[in-house]
């Protein structure tokens, strides 16, 4: 859509390691790439 800035990243990962991999990626985003923690939206996100 024009005038909209929205993107979605989607994929699949091994269920045994997906939570640990996501937490590590989010930590890397904060420490190495300048992303900051945003508003708390709950336990699942």
ModelCIF file with pLDDT and N, C-alpha, C, O atoms, coordinates in Angstrom:
data_MODEL
#
_entry.id   MODEL 
#
_entity.id                         1 
_entity.type                       polymer 
_entity.pdbx_number_of_molecules   1 
#
_entity_poly.entity_id                      1 
_entity_poly.type                           'polypeptide(L)' 
_entity_poly.nstd_linkage                   no 
_entity_poly.nstd_monomer                   no 
_entity_poly.pdbx_seq_one_letter_code       
;(UNK)(UNK)(UNK)(UNK)(UNK)(UNK)(UNK)(UNK)(UNK)(UNK)(UNK)(UNK)(UNK)(UNK)(UNK)(UNK)
(UNK)(UNK)(UNK)(UNK)(UNK)(UNK)(UNK)(UNK)(UNK)(UNK)(UNK)(UNK)(UNK)(UNK)(UNK)(UNK)
(UNK)(UNK)(UNK)(UNK)(UNK)(UNK)(UNK)(UNK)(UNK)(UNK)(UNK)(UNK)(UNK)
;
_entity_poly.pdbx_seq_one_letter_code_can   XXXXXXXXXXXXXXXXXXXXXXXXXXXXXXXXXXXXXXXXXXXXX 
_entity_poly.pdbx_strand_id                 A 
#
loop_
_entity_poly_seq.entity_id 
_entity_poly_seq.num 
_entity_poly_seq.mon_id 
_entity_poly_seq.hetero 
1 1  UNK n 
1 2  UNK n 
1 3  UNK n 
1 4  UNK n 
1 5  UNK n 
1 6  UNK n 
1 7  UNK n 
1 8  UNK n 
1 9  UNK n 
1 10 UNK n 
1 11 UNK n 
1 12 UNK n 
1 13 UNK n 
1 14 UNK n 
1 15 UNK n 
1 16 UNK n 
1 17 UNK n 
1 18 UNK n 
1 19 UNK n 
1 20 UNK n 
1 21 UNK n 
1 22 UNK n 
1 23 UNK n 
1 24 UNK n 
1 25 UNK n 
1 26 UNK n 
1 27 UNK n 
1 28 UNK n 
1 29 UNK n 
1 30 UNK n 
1 31 UNK n 
1 32 UNK n 
1 33 UNK n 
1 34 UNK n 
1 35 UNK n 
1 36 UNK n 
1 37 UNK n 
1 38 UNK n 
1 39 UNK n 
1 40 UNK n 
1 41 UNK n 
1 42 UNK n 
1 43 UNK n 
1 44 UNK n 
1 45 UNK n 
#
_struct_asym.id          A 
_struct_asym.entity_id   1 
#
loop_
_ma_qa_metric.id 
_ma_qa_metric.mode 
_ma_qa_metric.name 
_ma_qa_metric.software_group_id 
_ma_qa_metric.type 
1 global pLDDT . pLDDT 
2 local  pLDDT . pLDDT 
#
_ma_qa_metric_global.metric_id      1 
_ma_qa_metric_global.metric_value   86.64 
_ma_qa_metric_global.model_id       1 
_ma_qa_metric_global.ordinal_id     1 
#
loop_
_ma_qa_metric_local.label_asym_id 
_ma_qa_metric_local.label_comp_id 
_ma_qa_metric_local.label_seq_id 
_ma_qa_metric_local.metric_id 
_ma_qa_metric_local.metric_value 
_ma_qa_metric_local.model_id 
_ma_qa_metric_local.ordinal_id 
A UNK 1  2 65.00 1 1  
A UNK 2  2 64.00 1 2  
A UNK 3  2 62.00 1 3  
A UNK 4  2 64.00 1 4  
A UNK 5  2 83.00 1 5  
A UNK 6  2 87.00 1 6  
A UNK 7  2 89.00 1 7  
A UNK 8  2 91.00 1 8  
A UNK 9  2 92.00 1 9  
A UNK 10 2 91.00 1 10 
A UNK 11 2 90.00 1 11 
A UNK 12 2 88.00 1 12 
A UNK 13 2 90.00 1 13 
A UNK 14 2 88.00 1 14 
A UNK 15 2 87.00 1 15 
A UNK 16 2 87.00 1 16 
A UNK 17 2 88.00 1 17 
A UNK 18 2 88.00 1 18 
A UNK 19 2 87.00 1 19 
A UNK 20 2 89.00 1 20 
A UNK 21 2 92.00 1 21 
A UNK 22 2 91.00 1 22 
A UNK 23 2 90.00 1 23 
A UNK 24 2 94.00 1 24 
A UNK 25 2 94.00 1 25 
A UNK 26 2 92.00 1 26 
A UNK 27 2 94.00 1 27 
A UNK 28 2 95.00 1 28 
A UNK 29 2 95.00 1 29 
A UNK 30 2 94.00 1 30 
A UNK 31 2 95.00 1 31 
A UNK 32 2 94.00 1 32 
A UNK 33 2 94.00 1 33 
A UNK 34 2 95.00 1 34 
A UNK 35 2 95.00 1 35 
A UNK 36 2 95.00 1 36 
A UNK 37 2 91.00 1 37 
A UNK 38 2 88.00 1 38 
A UNK 39 2 83.00 1 39 
A UNK 40 2 80.00 1 40 
A UNK 41 2 77.00 1 41 
A UNK 42 2 73.00 1 42 
A UNK 43 2 71.00 1 43 
A UNK 44 2 80.00 1 44 
A UNK 45 2 87.00 1 45 
#
loop_
_atom_site.group_PDB 
_atom_site.id 
_atom_site.type_symbol 
_atom_site.label_atom_id 
_atom_site.label_alt_id 
_atom_site.label_comp_id 
_atom_site.label_asym_id 
_atom_site.label_entity_id 
_atom_site.label_seq_id 
_atom_site.pdbx_PDB_ins_code 
_atom_site.Cartn_x 
_atom_site.Cartn_y 
_atom_site.Cartn_z 
_atom_site.occupancy 
_atom_site.B_iso_or_equiv 
_atom_site.pdbx_formal_charge 
_atom_site.auth_seq_id 
_atom_site.auth_comp_id 
_atom_site.auth_asym_id 
_atom_site.auth_atom_id 
_atom_site.pdbx_PDB_model_num 
ATOM 1   N N  . UNK A 1 1  ? 0.826  -1.205  0.000  1.00 65.00 ? 1  UNK A N  1 
ATOM 2   C CA . UNK A 1 1  ? 0.000  0.000   0.000  1.00 65.00 ? 1  UNK A CA 1 
ATOM 3   C C  . UNK A 1 1  ? 0.860  1.255   0.000  1.00 65.00 ? 1  UNK A C  1 
ATOM 4   O O  . UNK A 1 1  ? 1.844  1.338   0.735  1.00 65.00 ? 1  UNK A O  1 
ATOM 5   N N  . UNK A 1 2  ? 0.492  2.226   -0.821 1.00 64.00 ? 2  UNK A N  1 
ATOM 6   C CA . UNK A 1 2  ? 1.194  3.504   -0.827 1.00 64.00 ? 2  UNK A CA 1 
ATOM 7   C C  . UNK A 1 2  ? 0.883  4.250   0.464  1.00 64.00 ? 2  UNK A C  1 
ATOM 8   O O  . UNK A 1 2  ? -0.230 4.184   0.985  1.00 64.00 ? 2  UNK A O  1 
ATOM 9   N N  . UNK A 1 3  ? 1.886  4.961   0.967  1.00 62.00 ? 3  UNK A N  1 
ATOM 10  C CA . UNK A 1 3  ? 1.689  5.748   2.175  1.00 62.00 ? 3  UNK A CA 1 
ATOM 11  C C  . UNK A 1 3  ? 1.703  4.929   3.447  1.00 62.00 ? 3  UNK A C  1 
ATOM 12  O O  . UNK A 1 3  ? 1.416  5.452   4.524  1.00 62.00 ? 3  UNK A O  1 
ATOM 13  N N  . UNK A 1 4  ? 2.030  3.654   3.340  1.00 64.00 ? 4  UNK A N  1 
ATOM 14  C CA . UNK A 1 4  ? 2.086  2.789   4.509  1.00 64.00 ? 4  UNK A CA 1 
ATOM 15  C C  . UNK A 1 4  ? 3.489  2.243   4.645  1.00 64.00 ? 4  UNK A C  1 
ATOM 16  O O  . UNK A 1 4  ? 4.064  1.737   3.681  1.00 64.00 ? 4  UNK A O  1 
ATOM 17  N N  . UNK A 1 5  ? 4.036  2.345   5.831  1.00 83.00 ? 5  UNK A N  1 
ATOM 18  C CA . UNK A 1 5  ? 5.344  1.725   6.037  1.00 83.00 ? 5  UNK A CA 1 
ATOM 19  C C  . UNK A 1 5  ? 5.156  0.589   7.039  1.00 83.00 ? 5  UNK A C  1 
ATOM 20  O O  . UNK A 1 5  ? 5.133  0.787   8.254  1.00 83.00 ? 5  UNK A O  1 
ATOM 21  N N  . UNK A 1 6  ? 5.027  -0.578  6.487  1.00 87.00 ? 6  UNK A N  1 
ATOM 22  C CA . UNK A 1 6  ? 4.803  -1.780  7.274  1.00 87.00 ? 6  UNK A CA 1 
ATOM 23  C C  . UNK A 1 6  ? 5.452  -2.945  6.540  1.00 87.00 ? 6  UNK A C  1 
ATOM 24  O O  . UNK A 1 6  ? 5.309  -3.088  5.326  1.00 87.00 ? 6  UNK A O  1 
ATOM 25  N N  . UNK A 1 7  ? 6.158  -3.762  7.283  1.00 89.00 ? 7  UNK A N  1 
ATOM 26  C CA . UNK A 1 7  ? 6.733  -4.975  6.706  1.00 89.00 ? 7  UNK A CA 1 
ATOM 27  C C  . UNK A 1 7  ? 6.529  -6.111  7.684  1.00 89.00 ? 7  UNK A C  1 
ATOM 28  O O  . UNK A 1 7  ? 6.367  -5.904  8.886  1.00 89.00 ? 7  UNK A O  1 
ATOM 29  N N  . UNK A 1 8  ? 6.542  -7.307  7.144  1.00 91.00 ? 8  UNK A N  1 
ATOM 30  C CA . UNK A 1 8  ? 6.411  -8.494  7.981  1.00 91.00 ? 8  UNK A CA 1 
ATOM 31  C C  . UNK A 1 8  ? 7.529  -9.448  7.627  1.00 91.00 ? 8  UNK A C  1 
ATOM 32  O O  . UNK A 1 8  ? 7.780  -9.723  6.454  1.00 91.00 ? 8  UNK A O  1 
ATOM 33  N N  . UNK A 1 9  ? 8.197  -9.951  8.648  1.00 92.00 ? 9  UNK A N  1 
ATOM 34  C CA . UNK A 1 9  ? 9.209  -10.982 8.468  1.00 92.00 ? 9  UNK A CA 1 
ATOM 35  C C  . UNK A 1 9  ? 8.600  -12.272 9.004  1.00 92.00 ? 9  UNK A C  1 
ATOM 36  O O  . UNK A 1 9  ? 8.129  -12.317 10.141 1.00 92.00 ? 9  UNK A O  1 
ATOM 37  N N  . UNK A 1 10 ? 8.609  -13.313 8.189  1.00 91.00 ? 10 UNK A N  1 
ATOM 38  C CA . UNK A 1 10 ? 8.018  -14.564 8.658  1.00 91.00 ? 10 UNK A CA 1 
ATOM 39  C C  . UNK A 1 10 ? 8.848  -15.744 8.194  1.00 91.00 ? 10 UNK A C  1 
ATOM 40  O O  . UNK A 1 10 ? 9.468  -15.717 7.131  1.00 91.00 ? 10 UNK A O  1 
ATOM 41  N N  . UNK A 1 11 ? 8.844  -16.772 9.012  1.00 90.00 ? 11 UNK A N  1 
ATOM 42  C CA . UNK A 1 11 ? 9.580  -17.988 8.709  1.00 90.00 ? 11 UNK A CA 1 
ATOM 43  C C  . UNK A 1 11 ? 9.219  -19.070 9.703  1.00 90.00 ? 11 UNK A C  1 
ATOM 44  O O  . UNK A 1 11 ? 8.240  -18.957 10.440 1.00 90.00 ? 11 UNK A O  1 
ATOM 45  N N  . UNK A 1 12 ? 10.014 -20.107 9.712  1.00 88.00 ? 12 UNK A N  1 
ATOM 46  C CA . UNK A 1 12 ? 9.796  -21.234 10.624 1.00 88.00 ? 12 UNK A CA 1 
ATOM 47  C C  . UNK A 1 12 ? 11.142 -21.649 11.193 1.00 88.00 ? 12 UNK A C  1 
ATOM 48  O O  . UNK A 1 12 ? 12.183 -21.464 10.563 1.00 88.00 ? 12 UNK A O  1 
ATOM 49  N N  . UNK A 1 13 ? 11.104 -22.218 12.402 1.00 90.00 ? 13 UNK A N  1 
ATOM 50  C CA . UNK A 1 13 ? 12.334 -22.625 13.075 1.00 90.00 ? 13 UNK A CA 1 
ATOM 51  C C  . UNK A 1 13 ? 12.026 -23.853 13.930 1.00 90.00 ? 13 UNK A C  1 
ATOM 52  O O  . UNK A 1 13 ? 10.870 -24.116 14.261 1.00 90.00 ? 13 UNK A O  1 
ATOM 53  N N  . UNK A 1 14 ? 13.065 -24.594 14.280 1.00 88.00 ? 14 UNK A N  1 
ATOM 54  C CA . UNK A 1 14 ? 12.896 -25.784 15.108 1.00 88.00 ? 14 UNK A CA 1 
ATOM 55  C C  . UNK A 1 14 ? 12.231 -25.407 16.432 1.00 88.00 ? 14 UNK A C  1 
ATOM 56  O O  . UNK A 1 14 ? 12.698 -24.495 17.114 1.00 88.00 ? 14 UNK A O  1 
ATOM 57  N N  . UNK A 1 15 ? 11.154 -26.090 16.804 1.00 87.00 ? 15 UNK A N  1 
ATOM 58  C CA . UNK A 1 15 ? 10.422 -25.717 18.009 1.00 87.00 ? 15 UNK A CA 1 
ATOM 59  C C  . UNK A 1 15 ? 11.249 -25.820 19.288 1.00 87.00 ? 15 UNK A C  1 
ATOM 60  O O  . UNK A 1 15 ? 10.998 -25.094 20.250 1.00 87.00 ? 15 UNK A O  1 
ATOM 61  N N  . UNK A 1 16 ? 12.226 -26.712 19.301 1.00 87.00 ? 16 UNK A N  1 
ATOM 62  C CA . UNK A 1 16 ? 13.042 -26.905 20.500 1.00 87.00 ? 16 UNK A CA 1 
ATOM 63  C C  . UNK A 1 16 ? 13.921 -25.698 20.807 1.00 87.00 ? 16 UNK A C  1 
ATOM 64  O O  . UNK A 1 16 ? 14.266 -25.466 21.965 1.00 87.00 ? 16 UNK A O  1 
ATOM 65  N N  . UNK A 1 17 ? 14.286 -24.932 19.795 1.00 88.00 ? 17 UNK A N  1 
ATOM 66  C CA . UNK A 1 17 ? 15.231 -23.831 19.989 1.00 88.00 ? 17 UNK A CA 1 
ATOM 67  C C  . UNK A 1 17 ? 14.692 -22.464 19.580 1.00 88.00 ? 17 UNK A C  1 
ATOM 68  O O  . UNK A 1 17 ? 15.423 -21.477 19.662 1.00 88.00 ? 17 UNK A O  1 
ATOM 69  N N  . UNK A 1 18 ? 13.450 -22.376 19.146 1.00 88.00 ? 18 UNK A N  1 
ATOM 70  C CA . UNK A 1 18 ? 12.935 -21.115 18.625 1.00 88.00 ? 18 UNK A CA 1 
ATOM 71  C C  . UNK A 1 18 ? 12.921 -20.014 19.677 1.00 88.00 ? 18 UNK A C  1 
ATOM 72  O O  . UNK A 1 18 ? 13.294 -18.881 19.373 1.00 88.00 ? 18 UNK A O  1 
ATOM 73  N N  . UNK A 1 19 ? 12.501 -20.312 20.909 1.00 87.00 ? 19 UNK A N  1 
ATOM 74  C CA . UNK A 1 19 ? 12.455 -19.270 21.930 1.00 87.00 ? 19 UNK A CA 1 
ATOM 75  C C  . UNK A 1 19 ? 13.852 -18.745 22.246 1.00 87.00 ? 19 UNK A C  1 
ATOM 76  O O  . UNK A 1 19 ? 14.055 -17.533 22.326 1.00 87.00 ? 19 UNK A O  1 
ATOM 77  N N  . UNK A 1 20 ? 14.814 -19.646 22.424 1.00 89.00 ? 20 UNK A N  1 
ATOM 78  C CA . UNK A 1 20 ? 16.183 -19.222 22.726 1.00 89.00 ? 20 UNK A CA 1 
ATOM 79  C C  . UNK A 1 20 ? 16.783 -18.431 21.570 1.00 89.00 ? 20 UNK A C  1 
ATOM 80  O O  . UNK A 1 20 ? 17.473 -17.437 21.798 1.00 89.00 ? 20 UNK A O  1 
ATOM 81  N N  . UNK A 1 21 ? 16.533 -18.853 20.339 1.00 92.00 ? 21 UNK A N  1 
ATOM 82  C CA . UNK A 1 21 ? 17.067 -18.144 19.173 1.00 92.00 ? 21 UNK A CA 1 
ATOM 83  C C  . UNK A 1 21 ? 16.434 -16.760 19.044 1.00 92.00 ? 21 UNK A C  1 
ATOM 84  O O  . UNK A 1 21 ? 17.132 -15.795 18.734 1.00 92.00 ? 21 UNK A O  1 
ATOM 85  N N  . UNK A 1 22 ? 15.126 -16.646 19.277 1.00 91.00 ? 22 UNK A N  1 
ATOM 86  C CA . UNK A 1 22 ? 14.458 -15.348 19.200 1.00 91.00 ? 22 UNK A CA 1 
ATOM 87  C C  . UNK A 1 22 ? 14.963 -14.411 20.297 1.00 91.00 ? 22 UNK A C  1 
ATOM 88  O O  . UNK A 1 22 ? 15.223 -13.238 20.032 1.00 91.00 ? 22 UNK A O  1 
ATOM 89  N N  . UNK A 1 23 ? 15.103 -14.909 21.516 1.00 90.00 ? 23 UNK A N  1 
ATOM 90  C CA . UNK A 1 23 ? 15.606 -14.078 22.614 1.00 90.00 ? 23 UNK A CA 1 
ATOM 91  C C  . UNK A 1 23 ? 17.030 -13.607 22.318 1.00 90.00 ? 23 UNK A C  1 
ATOM 92  O O  . UNK A 1 23 ? 17.369 -12.454 22.585 1.00 90.00 ? 23 UNK A O  1 
ATOM 93  N N  . UNK A 1 24 ? 17.861 -14.490 21.771 1.00 94.00 ? 24 UNK A N  1 
ATOM 94  C CA . UNK A 1 24 ? 19.231 -14.108 21.421 1.00 94.00 ? 24 UNK A CA 1 
ATOM 95  C C  . UNK A 1 24 ? 19.237 -13.057 20.305 1.00 94.00 ? 24 UNK A C  1 
ATOM 96  O O  . UNK A 1 24 ? 20.027 -12.114 20.348 1.00 94.00 ? 24 UNK A O  1 
ATOM 97  N N  . UNK A 1 25 ? 18.365 -13.216 19.311 1.00 94.00 ? 25 UNK A N  1 
ATOM 98  C CA . UNK A 1 25 ? 18.283 -12.243 18.214 1.00 94.00 ? 25 UNK A CA 1 
ATOM 99  C C  . UNK A 1 25 ? 17.829 -10.884 18.729 1.00 94.00 ? 25 UNK A C  1 
ATOM 100 O O  . UNK A 1 25 ? 18.380 -9.860  18.325 1.00 94.00 ? 25 UNK A O  1 
ATOM 101 N N  . UNK A 1 26 ? 16.840 -10.857 19.607 1.00 92.00 ? 26 UNK A N  1 
ATOM 102 C CA . UNK A 1 26 ? 16.358 -9.593  20.154 1.00 92.00 ? 26 UNK A CA 1 
ATOM 103 C C  . UNK A 1 26 ? 17.413 -8.936  21.027 1.00 92.00 ? 26 UNK A C  1 
ATOM 104 O O  . UNK A 1 26 ? 17.550 -7.712  21.020 1.00 92.00 ? 26 UNK A O  1 
ATOM 105 N N  . UNK A 1 27 ? 18.150 -9.723  21.768 1.00 94.00 ? 27 UNK A N  1 
ATOM 106 C CA . UNK A 1 27 ? 19.250 -9.184  22.570 1.00 94.00 ? 27 UNK A CA 1 
ATOM 107 C C  . UNK A 1 27 ? 20.334 -8.607  21.665 1.00 94.00 ? 27 UNK A C  1 
ATOM 108 O O  . UNK A 1 27 ? 20.867 -7.534  21.948 1.00 94.00 ? 27 UNK A O  1 
ATOM 109 N N  . UNK A 1 28 ? 20.664 -9.303  20.588 1.00 95.00 ? 28 UNK A N  1 
ATOM 110 C CA . UNK A 1 28 ? 21.648 -8.823  19.608 1.00 95.00 ? 28 UNK A CA 1 
ATOM 111 C C  . UNK A 1 28 ? 21.176 -7.515  18.968 1.00 95.00 ? 28 UNK A C  1 
ATOM 112 O O  . UNK A 1 28 ? 21.974 -6.601  18.756 1.00 95.00 ? 28 UNK A O  1 
ATOM 113 N N  . UNK A 1 29 ? 19.889 -7.430  18.664 1.00 95.00 ? 29 UNK A N  1 
ATOM 114 C CA . UNK A 1 29 ? 19.337 -6.203  18.076 1.00 95.00 ? 29 UNK A CA 1 
ATOM 115 C C  . UNK A 1 29 ? 19.566 -5.019  19.011 1.00 95.00 ? 29 UNK A C  1 
ATOM 116 O O  . UNK A 1 29 ? 19.896 -3.920  18.565 1.00 95.00 ? 29 UNK A O  1 
ATOM 117 N N  . UNK A 1 30 ? 19.388 -5.253  20.312 1.00 94.00 ? 30 UNK A N  1 
ATOM 118 C CA . UNK A 1 30 ? 19.585 -4.174  21.299 1.00 94.00 ? 30 UNK A CA 1 
ATOM 119 C C  . UNK A 1 30 ? 21.062 -3.821  21.461 1.00 94.00 ? 30 UNK A C  1 
ATOM 120 O O  . UNK A 1 30 ? 21.431 -2.648  21.403 1.00 94.00 ? 30 UNK A O  1 
ATOM 121 N N  . UNK A 1 31 ? 21.900 -4.823  21.662 1.00 95.00 ? 31 UNK A N  1 
ATOM 122 C CA . UNK A 1 31 ? 23.297 -4.560  22.008 1.00 95.00 ? 31 UNK A CA 1 
ATOM 123 C C  . UNK A 1 31 ? 24.175 -4.183  20.826 1.00 95.00 ? 31 UNK A C  1 
ATOM 124 O O  . UNK A 1 31 ? 25.093 -3.376  20.976 1.00 95.00 ? 31 UNK A O  1 
ATOM 125 N N  . UNK A 1 32 ? 23.912 -4.753  19.649 1.00 94.00 ? 32 UNK A N  1 
ATOM 126 C CA . UNK A 1 32 ? 24.799 -4.535  18.507 1.00 94.00 ? 32 UNK A CA 1 
ATOM 127 C C  . UNK A 1 32 ? 24.227 -3.617  17.428 1.00 94.00 ? 32 UNK A C  1 
ATOM 128 O O  . UNK A 1 32 ? 24.974 -3.118  16.586 1.00 94.00 ? 32 UNK A O  1 
ATOM 129 N N  . UNK A 1 33 ? 22.919 -3.389  17.440 1.00 94.00 ? 33 UNK A N  1 
ATOM 130 C CA . UNK A 1 33 ? 22.304 -2.653  16.332 1.00 94.00 ? 33 UNK A CA 1 
ATOM 131 C C  . UNK A 1 33 ? 21.475 -1.449  16.759 1.00 94.00 ? 33 UNK A C  1 
ATOM 132 O O  . UNK A 1 33 ? 20.817 -0.833  15.921 1.00 94.00 ? 33 UNK A O  1 
ATOM 133 N N  . UNK A 1 34 ? 21.491 -1.104  18.027 1.00 95.00 ? 34 UNK A N  1 
ATOM 134 C CA . UNK A 1 34 ? 20.853 0.123   18.477 1.00 95.00 ? 34 UNK A CA 1 
ATOM 135 C C  . UNK A 1 34 ? 19.350 0.098   18.672 1.00 95.00 ? 34 UNK A C  1 
ATOM 136 O O  . UNK A 1 34 ? 18.753 1.152   18.890 1.00 95.00 ? 34 UNK A O  1 
ATOM 137 N N  . UNK A 1 35 ? 18.714 -1.063  18.602 1.00 95.00 ? 35 UNK A N  1 
ATOM 138 C CA . UNK A 1 35 ? 17.281 -1.136  18.888 1.00 95.00 ? 35 UNK A CA 1 
ATOM 139 C C  . UNK A 1 35 ? 17.086 -0.966  20.385 1.00 95.00 ? 35 UNK A C  1 
ATOM 140 O O  . UNK A 1 35 ? 17.918 -1.419  21.172 1.00 95.00 ? 35 UNK A O  1 
ATOM 141 N N  . UNK A 1 36 ? 16.008 -0.324  20.787 1.00 95.00 ? 36 UNK A N  1 
ATOM 142 C CA . UNK A 1 36 ? 15.678 -0.085  22.189 1.00 95.00 ? 36 UNK A CA 1 
ATOM 143 C C  . UNK A 1 36 ? 14.408 -0.853  22.546 1.00 95.00 ? 36 UNK A C  1 
ATOM 144 O O  . UNK A 1 36 ? 13.554 -1.095  21.692 1.00 95.00 ? 36 UNK A O  1 
ATOM 145 N N  . UNK A 1 37 ? 14.297 -1.229  23.810 1.00 91.00 ? 37 UNK A N  1 
ATOM 146 C CA . UNK A 1 37 ? 13.069 -1.887  24.255 1.00 91.00 ? 37 UNK A CA 1 
ATOM 147 C C  . UNK A 1 37 ? 11.903 -0.925  24.120 1.00 91.00 ? 37 UNK A C  1 
ATOM 148 O O  . UNK A 1 37 ? 12.002 0.244   24.494 1.00 91.00 ? 37 UNK A O  1 
ATOM 149 N N  . UNK A 1 38 ? 10.805 -1.422  23.585 1.00 88.00 ? 38 UNK A N  1 
ATOM 150 C CA . UNK A 1 38 ? 9.599  -0.617  23.420 1.00 88.00 ? 38 UNK A CA 1 
ATOM 151 C C  . UNK A 1 38 ? 8.615  -0.904  24.531 1.00 88.00 ? 38 UNK A C  1 
ATOM 152 O O  . UNK A 1 38 ? 8.969  -1.505  25.545 1.00 88.00 ? 38 UNK A O  1 
ATOM 153 N N  . UNK A 1 39 ? 7.385  -0.477  24.342 1.00 83.00 ? 39 UNK A N  1 
ATOM 154 C CA . UNK A 1 39 ? 6.362  -0.706  25.370 1.00 83.00 ? 39 UNK A CA 1 
ATOM 155 C C  . UNK A 1 39 ? 6.132  -2.197  25.604 1.00 83.00 ? 39 UNK A C  1 
ATOM 156 O O  . UNK A 1 39 ? 6.220  -3.005  24.680 1.00 83.00 ? 39 UNK A O  1 
ATOM 157 N N  . UNK A 1 40 ? 5.840  -2.542  26.843 1.00 80.00 ? 40 UNK A N  1 
ATOM 158 C CA . UNK A 1 40 ? 5.549  -3.926  27.198 1.00 80.00 ? 40 UNK A CA 1 
ATOM 159 C C  . UNK A 1 40 ? 4.182  -4.301  26.651 1.00 80.00 ? 40 UNK A C  1 
ATOM 160 O O  . UNK A 1 40 ? 3.182  -3.654  26.965 1.00 80.00 ? 40 UNK A O  1 
ATOM 161 N N  . UNK A 1 41 ? 4.138  -5.349  25.830 1.00 77.00 ? 41 UNK A N  1 
ATOM 162 C CA . UNK A 1 41 ? 2.877  -5.783  25.235 1.00 77.00 ? 41 UNK A CA 1 
ATOM 163 C C  . UNK A 1 41 ? 2.406  -7.123  25.780 1.00 77.00 ? 41 UNK A C  1 
ATOM 164 O O  . UNK A 1 41 ? 1.378  -7.641  25.345 1.00 77.00 ? 41 UNK A O  1 
ATOM 165 N N  . UNK A 1 42 ? 3.142  -7.684  26.720 1.00 73.00 ? 42 UNK A N  1 
ATOM 166 C CA . UNK A 1 42 ? 2.733  -8.952  27.304 1.00 73.00 ? 42 UNK A CA 1 
ATOM 167 C C  . UNK A 1 42 ? 3.810  -10.011 27.185 1.00 73.00 ? 42 UNK A C  1 
ATOM 168 O O  . UNK A 1 42 ? 4.872  -9.783  26.607 1.00 73.00 ? 42 UNK A O  1 
ATOM 169 N N  . UNK A 1 43 ? 3.517  -11.163 27.738 1.00 71.00 ? 43 UNK A N  1 
ATOM 170 C CA . UNK A 1 43 ? 4.475  -12.263 27.799 1.00 71.00 ? 43 UNK A CA 1 
ATOM 171 C C  . UNK A 1 43 ? 4.752  -12.875 26.431 1.00 71.00 ? 43 UNK A C  1 
ATOM 172 O O  . UNK A 1 43 ? 5.866  -13.338 26.186 1.00 71.00 ? 43 UNK A O  1 
ATOM 173 N N  . UNK A 1 44 ? 3.784  -12.888 25.547 1.00 80.00 ? 44 UNK A N  1 
ATOM 174 C CA . UNK A 1 44 ? 3.909  -13.572 24.265 1.00 80.00 ? 44 UNK A CA 1 
ATOM 175 C C  . UNK A 1 44 ? 4.562  -12.740 23.165 1.00 80.00 ? 44 UNK A C  1 
ATOM 176 O O  . UNK A 1 44 ? 4.712  -13.226 22.044 1.00 80.00 ? 44 UNK A O  1 
ATOM 177 N N  . UNK A 1 45 ? 4.957  -11.485 23.457 1.00 87.00 ? 45 UNK A N  1 
ATOM 178 C CA . UNK A 1 45 ? 5.566  -10.657 22.430 1.00 87.00 ? 45 UNK A CA 1 
ATOM 179 C C  . UNK A 1 45 ? 6.534  -9.658  23.051 1.00 87.00 ? 45 UNK A C  1 
ATOM 180 O O  . UNK A 1 45 ? 7.149  -8.868  22.336 1.00 87.00 ? 45 UNK A O  1 
#
